[in-house]
Amino acid sequence: MFIIKTVNNPTPIISNDVKDVQDIVLGLTNDDKVALDAYCAVCTMGFNNSFNQSDINITCVPDGGAIL
């Protein structure tokens, strides 16, 4: 499960699908490069790994392990 947070959005977005993460990041940033970078990063993420770029923070946690 991926928890997506932004500096400007206090409510985290949760997704279980790698491709959805790319679409969510694109919608939040309107930046294809950041969305592609996020997609490439989450494809290889393990639990408790994070991706940070352009005010986006994505963390991979086990299902049910989300601490919002």
Protein backbone atom coordinates (compact mmCIF):
# COMPACT_ATOMS: atom_id res chain seq x y z
CA MET A 1 0.00 0.00 0.00
CA PHE A 2 1.28 3.44 -0.89
CA ILE A 3 0.58 6.58 1.16
CA ILE A 4 0.91 9.74 -0.89
CA LYS A 5 1.25 13.05 0.91
CA THR A 6 1.85 16.55 -0.39
CA VAL A 7 2.85 19.77 1.28
CA ASN A 8 -0.39 21.45 0.16
CA ASN A 9 -2.81 18.57 0.86
CA PRO A 10 -3.22 17.64 4.54
CA THR A 11 -5.22 14.48 3.70
CA PRO A 12 -3.07 11.54 2.57
CA ILE A 13 -4.10 9.58 -0.51
CA ILE A 14 -3.85 5.79 -0.30
CA SER A 15 -3.41 3.47 -3.27
CA ASN A 16 -2.61 -0.20 -3.69
CA ASP A 17 -1.82 0.05 -7.40
CA VAL A 18 1.53 1.21 -8.77
CA LYS A 19 -0.02 2.61 -11.97
CA ASP A 20 -2.58 4.57 -9.93
CA VAL A 21 0.28 6.17 -8.01
CA GLN A 22 1.66 7.57 -11.26
CA ASP A 23 -1.74 8.98 -12.21
CA ILE A 24 -2.27 10.47 -8.74
CA VAL A 25 1.14 12.15 -8.74
CA LEU A 26 0.51 13.51 -12.24
CA GLY A 27 -2.80 14.94 -11.07
CA LEU A 28 -1.22 16.53 -8.01
CA THR A 29 1.88 17.96 -9.68
CA ASN A 30 0.86 18.32 -13.34
CA ASP A 31 4.44 17.23 -14.09
CA ASP A 32 5.07 14.17 -16.28
CA LYS A 33 8.68 13.81 -15.14
CA VAL A 34 7.80 13.74 -11.43
CA ALA A 35 4.98 11.25 -12.14
CA LEU A 36 7.35 8.98 -14.09
CA ASP A 37 10.03 9.27 -11.39
CA ALA A 38 7.45 8.33 -8.76
CA TYR A 39 6.28 5.37 -10.84
CA CYS A 40 9.83 4.07 -11.30
CA ALA A 41 10.54 4.50 -7.58
CA VAL A 42 7.40 2.73 -6.31
CA CYS A 43 7.98 -0.21 -8.69
CA THR A 44 11.02 -1.19 -6.64
CA MET A 45 9.94 -0.04 -3.17
CA GLY A 46 9.91 -2.30 -0.16
CA PHE A 47 7.95 -1.69 3.02
CA ASN A 48 8.93 1.51 4.86
CA ASN A 49 10.78 2.90 1.83
CA SER A 50 9.96 6.45 0.76
CA PHE A 51 10.11 8.63 -2.34
CA ASN A 52 10.41 12.41 -1.97
CA GLN A 53 10.38 14.87 -4.83
CA SER A 54 8.68 18.13 -5.72
CA ASP A 55 6.63 18.41 -2.49
CA ILE A 56 5.45 14.78 -2.89
CA ASN A 57 6.13 12.09 -0.30
CA ILE A 58 5.22 8.47 -1.05
CA THR A 59 5.71 5.74 1.55
CA CYS A 60 5.20 2.01 1.05
CA VAL A 61 3.60 0.24 4.02
CA PRO A 62 1.99 -3.19 4.52
CA ASP A 63 -1.79 -3.30 4.09
CA GLY A 64 -3.33 -2.22 7.37
CA GLY A 65 -0.05 -0.59 8.41
CA ALA A 66 -1.01 2.95 7.50
CA ILE A 67 -0.49 5.51 10.23
CA LEU A 68 -2.02 8.67 8.91
